[in-house]
Amino acid sequence: RTVNVEYNQLDPLLRATEEYKEGDVNDSSGYSPFPGNINQLVFKLDAYNKILQRTKGIMPDFVNPKYKDSNKTVFKKPTRLECMMQEFPTVLNTNESQRVGFTQAASEICFSPVKNNVADGTALQAKGIAAGTAATGEADQYAAQRIFLRSIGVQIGDAPKVDYNGIQIVPGPAVVLKPDFACCPGELKTKFPTPEKVKISPRSTLVVRGSDVTIESLDLDGCLVIDVDRGETALVKDLVVKNEGWVQTPVRDSDDEVIRMRGFKIERKDQKYIEIKADPNLPKEAAEKAVDDDTSVVNEDAAYEVEDSFCGVNFGASKKPGDGSECSICTIL
């Protein structure tokens, strides 16, 4: 039977066995030998519905108290009766439970909670445990994109570590790829067809939005924002960007709660914008086929090429589902 064991129940469960009498302790790798569960669950709905009908939706419940200190006499926060969605396998019969499994991935590409204040996060980092703060959560989002880009051959390194009010992070390069550009790692190979020609410096920021954006060759040292409406196409080719960029500046205290949680603010000193907007006056069907060009268009499928200047702009037609441009399968590293 494959079933999740809640973290506060794992240690006493292990101590009751012969093999793990010491409980949940790190092995020679420095980490627990047991995988964590991030509660990303996938159900087959017809089977799920049948089981809900049988169980009336009733799940096992438990209490998970959070204490203020090791004396365990004062609660850190109100304690409540809980039932966990990941315990769904416990209500399955023998045959049903054989169809339950899990997929495991490295935490740096799939899990970085933002749940702790700066003081608690600092104490956790001192113990070698993930801080789980606003600063680390944001930094880990950028880091995951760097891992994916590096895995396909993009030249992208890491910035030196910085300290924000006691929380240590790697601040960049800050890469934000919107879901309409690439919603899963498998799409990146089509979005960066020649990744060896893409170079992003450690201090850079890259933000991309648009389902029909292709980055063929780019040398980025600073900040680049690409914002392309649906129905428009952009090809980034032989583009060199060097500017002051967006800079993370440490902040000890602030009236702004977001800045206070982060421990820094972003100074947008300079950036290069590539922005392509659809014609708001066109009907939806026509907008996807529209060509807005200052010269005559011979090839409707010609992409908008972004080079060293914006002369000869050509807005081509968007790709259509089924032409091989959409993601068909994802392979994570």
Protein backbone atom coordinates (compact mmCIF):
# COMPACT_ATOMS: atom_id res chain seq x y z
CA ARG A 1 0.00 0.00 0.00
CA THR A 2 1.37 3.43 -1.00
CA VAL A 3 0.30 6.07 1.52
CA ASN A 4 1.62 9.32 2.92
CA VAL A 5 2.78 9.49 6.54
CA GLU A 6 2.39 12.96 8.05
CA TYR A 7 5.69 14.43 9.22
CA ASN A 8 4.69 14.60 12.90
CA GLN A 9 3.71 10.91 12.82
CA LEU A 10 6.78 9.62 10.97
CA ASP A 11 9.31 9.73 13.84
CA PRO A 12 7.25 7.74 16.40
CA LEU A 13 6.24 5.29 13.67
CA LEU A 14 9.90 4.63 12.81
CA ARG A 15 10.93 4.31 16.46
CA ALA A 16 8.48 1.44 16.81
CA THR A 17 10.46 -0.57 14.23
CA GLU A 18 13.68 -2.56 14.67
CA GLU A 19 15.42 -0.96 11.69
CA TYR A 20 14.85 2.70 12.64
CA LYS A 21 14.89 2.74 16.44
CA GLU A 22 16.49 6.21 16.42
CA GLY A 23 13.60 7.62 14.44
CA ASP A 24 13.83 9.92 11.43
CA VAL A 25 17.53 10.82 11.42
CA ASN A 26 19.65 11.95 8.50
CA ASP A 27 21.81 9.34 6.81
CA SER A 28 25.35 9.79 5.42
CA SER A 29 24.04 12.16 2.75
CA GLY A 30 22.99 14.63 5.41
CA TYR A 31 19.30 14.20 4.58
CA SER A 32 16.46 11.99 5.70
CA PRO A 33 16.28 8.77 3.65
CA PHE A 34 12.51 9.21 3.41
CA PRO A 35 11.01 11.38 0.65
CA GLY A 36 8.83 14.34 1.56
CA ASN A 37 5.30 14.78 0.24
CA ILE A 38 4.26 18.10 -1.28
CA ASN A 39 0.59 17.13 -1.64
CA GLN A 40 0.37 17.44 -5.40
CA LEU A 41 -2.28 14.81 -6.00
CA VAL A 42 -3.70 13.46 -9.27
CA PHE A 43 -6.96 11.50 -9.26
CA LYS A 44 -8.82 9.53 -11.90
CA LEU A 45 -12.20 11.17 -11.43
CA ASP A 46 -14.52 8.27 -12.17
CA ALA A 47 -12.74 5.99 -9.67
CA TYR A 48 -12.48 8.87 -7.17
CA ASN A 49 -16.21 9.52 -7.42
CA LYS A 50 -17.09 5.86 -6.81
CA ILE A 51 -15.00 5.82 -3.63
CA LEU A 52 -16.55 9.08 -2.42
CA GLN A 53 -19.97 7.55 -2.93
CA ARG A 54 -18.96 4.52 -0.85
CA THR A 55 -17.27 6.46 1.98
CA LYS A 56 -19.62 9.48 1.92
CA GLY A 57 -16.44 11.59 1.87
CA ILE A 58 -15.52 10.68 5.46
CA MET A 59 -11.74 10.69 6.07
CA PRO A 60 -9.66 9.78 9.15
CA ASP A 61 -8.94 12.79 11.37
CA PHE A 62 -6.19 13.75 13.81
CA VAL A 63 -4.81 16.62 15.92
CA ASN A 64 -1.39 18.15 15.19
CA PRO A 65 -0.52 20.57 18.03
CA LYS A 66 2.18 23.22 17.52
CA TYR A 67 3.92 24.05 20.84
CA LYS A 68 5.69 27.27 21.74
CA ASP A 69 8.75 25.48 23.19
CA SER A 70 10.12 22.07 24.15
CA ASN A 71 8.14 22.04 27.41
CA LYS A 72 4.99 21.51 25.33
CA THR A 73 2.76 23.36 27.79
CA VAL A 74 1.82 26.37 25.63
CA PHE A 75 0.47 26.24 22.09
CA LYS A 76 2.27 28.33 19.47
CA LYS A 77 -1.01 28.63 17.54
CA PRO A 78 -4.57 27.33 18.00
CA THR A 79 -4.82 23.57 17.54
CA ARG A 80 -7.55 22.13 15.37
CA LEU A 81 -8.99 18.83 14.27
CA GLU A 82 -7.66 18.00 10.81
CA CYS A 83 -8.16 15.47 8.06
CA MET A 84 -5.69 15.22 5.21
CA MET A 85 -6.44 14.80 1.53
CA GLN A 86 -3.25 12.73 1.13
CA GLU A 87 -4.76 10.05 3.38
CA PHE A 88 -7.23 9.17 0.66
CA PRO A 89 -5.43 5.82 0.05
CA THR A 90 -6.31 4.72 3.60
CA VAL A 91 -9.97 4.33 2.61
CA LEU A 92 -9.19 2.16 -0.43
CA ASN A 93 -9.66 -1.58 -0.46
CA THR A 94 -6.84 -3.98 -1.36
CA ASN A 95 -7.46 -3.97 -5.10
CA GLU A 96 -7.91 -0.20 -5.27
CA SER A 97 -4.75 0.50 -3.28
CA GLN A 98 -2.65 -1.37 -5.86
CA ARG A 99 -3.33 1.48 -8.30
CA VAL A 100 -1.74 4.15 -6.09
CA GLY A 101 1.81 5.35 -6.74
CA PHE A 102 4.01 8.42 -6.54
CA THR A 103 6.53 10.39 -8.59
CA GLN A 104 9.66 11.73 -6.93
CA ALA A 105 11.63 14.81 -8.02
CA ALA A 106 14.43 16.86 -6.48
CA SER A 107 13.01 19.47 -4.09
CA GLU A 108 14.87 22.33 -5.78
CA ILE A 109 12.68 22.00 -8.89
CA CYS A 110 9.33 21.36 -7.26
CA PHE A 111 9.03 22.52 -3.65
CA SER A 112 9.88 25.71 -1.78
CA PRO A 113 7.22 26.75 0.76
CA VAL A 114 6.81 30.31 1.99
CA LYS A 115 5.51 29.78 5.52
CA ASN A 116 8.02 31.15 8.05
CA ASN A 117 8.90 34.61 9.31
CA VAL A 118 12.46 35.92 9.00
CA ALA A 119 13.47 35.06 12.58
CA ASP A 120 12.26 31.45 12.33
CA GLY A 121 13.78 31.10 8.87
CA THR A 122 17.16 32.32 10.08
CA ALA A 123 17.13 29.76 12.90
CA LEU A 124 16.25 26.97 10.47
CA GLN A 125 19.02 27.93 8.03
CA ALA A 126 21.51 27.86 10.91
CA LYS A 127 20.54 24.20 11.40
CA GLY A 128 20.99 23.42 7.72
CA ILE A 129 17.23 23.29 7.11
CA ALA A 130 15.40 25.19 4.37
CA ALA A 131 14.26 28.58 5.70
CA GLY A 132 10.85 28.60 4.01
CA THR A 133 10.65 32.40 3.92
CA ALA A 134 9.52 34.95 1.34
CA ALA A 135 13.10 35.60 0.23
CA THR A 136 14.02 31.93 -0.21
CA GLY A 137 10.73 31.09 -1.91
CA GLU A 138 11.24 33.79 -4.52
CA ALA A 139 14.91 32.92 -5.03
CA ASP A 140 14.08 29.23 -5.44
CA GLN A 141 11.54 30.03 -8.15
CA TYR A 142 14.26 31.77 -10.14
CA ALA A 143 16.71 28.95 -9.40
CA ALA A 144 14.34 26.27 -10.72
CA GLN A 145 14.08 28.06 -14.06
CA ARG A 146 17.88 28.30 -14.21
CA ILE A 147 18.15 24.55 -13.63
CA PHE A 148 15.70 23.85 -16.46
CA LEU A 149 17.44 26.26 -18.85
CA ARG A 150 20.88 24.90 -17.98
CA SER A 151 19.66 21.34 -18.59
CA ILE A 152 18.88 22.14 -22.25
CA GLY A 153 22.18 23.95 -22.84
CA VAL A 154 21.53 27.63 -22.08
CA GLN A 155 24.63 29.42 -20.76
CA ILE A 156 23.43 30.64 -17.38
CA GLY A 157 25.30 30.75 -14.08
CA ASP A 158 24.44 31.71 -10.52
CA ALA A 159 24.99 35.02 -8.77
CA PRO A 160 26.99 35.10 -5.50
CA LYS A 161 25.05 34.50 -2.30
CA VAL A 162 23.64 37.51 -0.45
CA ASP A 163 22.25 38.02 3.04
CA TYR A 164 18.89 39.69 3.63
CA ASN A 165 18.27 40.21 7.35
CA GLY A 166 19.96 36.91 8.17
CA ILE A 167 18.43 34.92 5.30
CA GLN A 168 20.99 33.75 2.74
CA ILE A 169 19.89 33.32 -0.87
CA VAL A 170 21.24 33.22 -4.42
CA PRO A 171 19.41 36.21 -5.96
CA GLY A 172 19.77 35.48 -9.62
CA PRO A 173 19.77 35.52 -12.49
CA ALA A 174 16.07 36.18 -11.93
CA VAL A 175 14.21 34.24 -14.64
CA VAL A 176 10.41 34.49 -14.91
CA LEU A 177 8.85 32.45 -17.71
CA LYS A 178 5.09 32.99 -17.74
CA PRO A 179 2.88 29.88 -18.20
CA ASP A 180 1.71 30.97 -21.65
CA PHE A 181 5.36 31.01 -22.78
CA ALA A 182 6.29 27.63 -21.29
CA CYS A 183 4.13 25.86 -18.74
CA CYS A 184 6.37 22.81 -18.37
CA PRO A 185 10.07 22.00 -18.89
CA GLY A 186 9.41 19.95 -22.02
CA GLU A 187 8.39 23.08 -23.91
CA LEU A 188 11.70 24.85 -23.36
CA LYS A 189 13.47 22.99 -26.18
CA THR A 190 11.04 24.51 -28.69
CA LYS A 191 11.20 27.94 -27.09
CA PHE A 192 15.03 27.90 -27.10
CA PRO A 193 15.80 25.93 -30.31
CA THR A 194 19.53 26.83 -30.20
CA PRO A 195 20.20 27.11 -26.46
CA GLU A 196 23.97 27.22 -26.91
CA LYS A 197 23.44 30.67 -28.47
CA VAL A 198 21.67 32.01 -25.38
CA LYS A 199 23.80 33.57 -22.64
CA ILE A 200 22.44 35.12 -19.43
CA SER A 201 24.82 36.78 -16.96
CA PRO A 202 24.53 36.23 -13.17
CA ARG A 203 23.17 39.75 -12.53
CA SER A 204 20.47 39.59 -15.19
CA THR A 205 16.67 39.54 -15.12
CA LEU A 206 14.62 37.87 -17.87
CA VAL A 207 10.81 38.05 -18.00
CA VAL A 208 8.94 36.44 -20.89
CA ARG A 209 5.20 36.41 -21.63
CA GLY A 210 3.66 35.18 -24.86
CA SER A 211 2.72 31.80 -26.31
CA ASP A 212 4.46 32.44 -29.63
CA VAL A 213 7.81 33.76 -28.47
CA THR A 214 10.97 31.97 -29.59
CA ILE A 215 14.40 32.91 -28.26
CA GLU A 216 16.97 31.79 -30.80
CA SER A 217 20.07 33.78 -29.85
CA LEU A 218 20.52 36.24 -26.99
CA ASP A 219 23.35 37.77 -24.96
CA LEU A 220 21.77 39.28 -21.84
CA ASP A 221 23.63 41.31 -19.22
CA GLY A 222 20.97 43.38 -17.51
CA CYS A 223 17.18 43.25 -17.75
CA LEU A 224 15.02 42.13 -20.68
CA VAL A 225 11.22 42.02 -20.58
CA ILE A 226 9.38 40.38 -23.49
CA ASP A 227 5.60 40.91 -23.50
CA VAL A 228 3.72 39.53 -26.50
CA ASP A 229 -0.06 39.30 -26.79
CA ARG A 230 -1.82 36.15 -27.88
CA GLY A 231 -2.01 35.91 -31.65
CA GLU A 232 1.30 37.72 -32.17
CA THR A 233 4.67 36.10 -32.86
CA ALA A 234 8.16 37.15 -31.81
CA LEU A 235 11.56 35.69 -32.69
CA VAL A 236 14.50 36.93 -30.63
CA LYS A 237 17.60 36.63 -32.80
CA ASP A 238 21.13 38.02 -32.46
CA LEU A 239 19.97 40.32 -29.68
CA VAL A 240 22.55 41.83 -27.31
CA VAL A 241 21.20 43.55 -24.19
CA LYS A 242 23.46 45.35 -21.73
CA ASN A 243 22.01 47.79 -19.22
CA GLU A 244 21.96 48.56 -15.48
CA GLY A 245 19.06 46.15 -15.06
CA TRP A 246 16.91 45.46 -11.99
CA VAL A 247 18.82 45.43 -8.71
CA GLN A 248 17.84 43.84 -5.41
CA THR A 249 18.65 46.33 -2.64
CA PRO A 250 18.73 45.10 1.00
CA VAL A 251 16.18 46.70 3.35
CA ARG A 252 16.40 46.33 7.13
CA ASP A 253 12.89 47.59 7.81
CA SER A 254 9.94 48.95 5.85
CA ASP A 255 6.32 50.02 6.23
CA ASP A 256 5.59 47.82 3.22
CA GLU A 257 4.88 44.31 4.54
CA VAL A 258 5.99 42.61 1.32
CA ILE A 259 9.35 44.38 1.37
CA ARG A 260 9.71 43.62 5.06
CA MET A 261 9.11 39.90 4.48
CA ARG A 262 11.47 39.81 1.49
CA GLY A 263 14.26 41.79 3.15
CA PHE A 264 14.92 43.65 -0.08
CA LYS A 265 13.31 45.84 -2.71
CA ILE A 266 13.82 45.78 -6.46
CA GLU A 267 15.17 48.93 -8.03
CA ARG A 268 14.26 48.96 -11.71
CA LYS A 269 17.18 51.04 -12.90
CA ASP A 270 17.04 50.13 -16.57
CA GLN A 271 15.55 47.52 -18.87
CA LYS A 272 14.88 46.68 -22.49
CA TYR A 273 11.22 46.14 -23.32
CA ILE A 274 9.98 44.15 -26.29
CA GLU A 275 6.23 44.65 -26.37
CA ILE A 276 3.84 43.50 -29.08
CA LYS A 277 0.15 44.24 -28.58
CA ALA A 278 -2.73 42.78 -30.56
CA ASP A 279 -5.10 45.18 -32.33
CA PRO A 280 -7.95 45.72 -29.81
CA ASN A 281 -10.36 46.70 -32.61
CA LEU A 282 -10.16 43.37 -34.41
CA PRO A 283 -12.59 40.52 -33.67
CA LYS A 284 -11.01 37.59 -31.84
CA GLU A 285 -10.89 35.39 -34.95
CA ALA A 286 -9.32 38.11 -37.05
CA ALA A 287 -6.86 39.13 -34.36
CA GLU A 288 -5.15 35.74 -34.48
CA LYS A 289 -4.54 36.17 -38.22
CA ALA A 290 -3.78 39.86 -38.20
CA VAL A 291 -0.62 41.25 -39.75
CA ASP A 292 0.42 44.73 -38.68
CA ASP A 293 3.41 45.71 -40.78
CA ASP A 294 4.96 48.87 -42.13
CA THR A 295 5.91 47.02 -45.31
CA SER A 296 4.07 44.58 -47.55
CA VAL A 297 3.90 41.04 -46.19
CA VAL A 298 4.79 38.20 -48.55
CA ASN A 299 4.86 35.37 -46.02
CA GLU A 300 2.09 35.38 -43.42
CA ASP A 301 4.00 32.89 -41.28
CA ALA A 302 7.08 35.09 -41.01
CA ALA A 303 7.96 35.76 -37.39
CA TYR A 304 8.72 39.10 -35.84
CA GLU A 305 12.52 39.11 -35.56
CA VAL A 306 14.04 41.13 -32.77
CA GLU A 307 17.58 42.09 -33.67
CA ASP A 308 19.70 45.12 -32.88
CA SER A 309 17.02 47.53 -34.11
CA PHE A 310 13.29 47.56 -34.67
CA CYS A 311 13.37 48.46 -38.35
CA GLY A 312 11.40 46.28 -40.77
CA VAL A 313 9.01 44.99 -38.13
CA ASN A 314 6.92 42.09 -39.41
CA PHE A 315 4.13 40.63 -37.29
CA GLY A 316 3.50 37.09 -38.53
CA ALA A 317 0.60 34.75 -37.92
CA SER A 318 0.56 32.70 -34.73
CA LYS A 319 1.27 28.99 -34.58
CA LYS A 320 -1.75 26.72 -34.49
CA PRO A 321 -2.35 23.62 -32.33
CA GLY A 322 -1.25 20.49 -34.11
CA ASP A 323 1.62 22.05 -36.06
CA GLY A 324 4.17 20.45 -33.76
CA SER A 325 4.87 23.60 -31.75
CA GLU A 326 2.94 22.57 -28.66
CA CYS A 327 4.38 20.46 -25.85
CA SER A 328 3.71 16.75 -26.25
CA ILE A 329 5.71 15.32 -23.36
CA CYS A 330 7.70 16.59 -20.40
CA THR A 331 10.95 15.11 -19.15
CA ILE A 332 12.25 16.61 -15.92
CA LEU A 333 16.03 16.56 -16.02
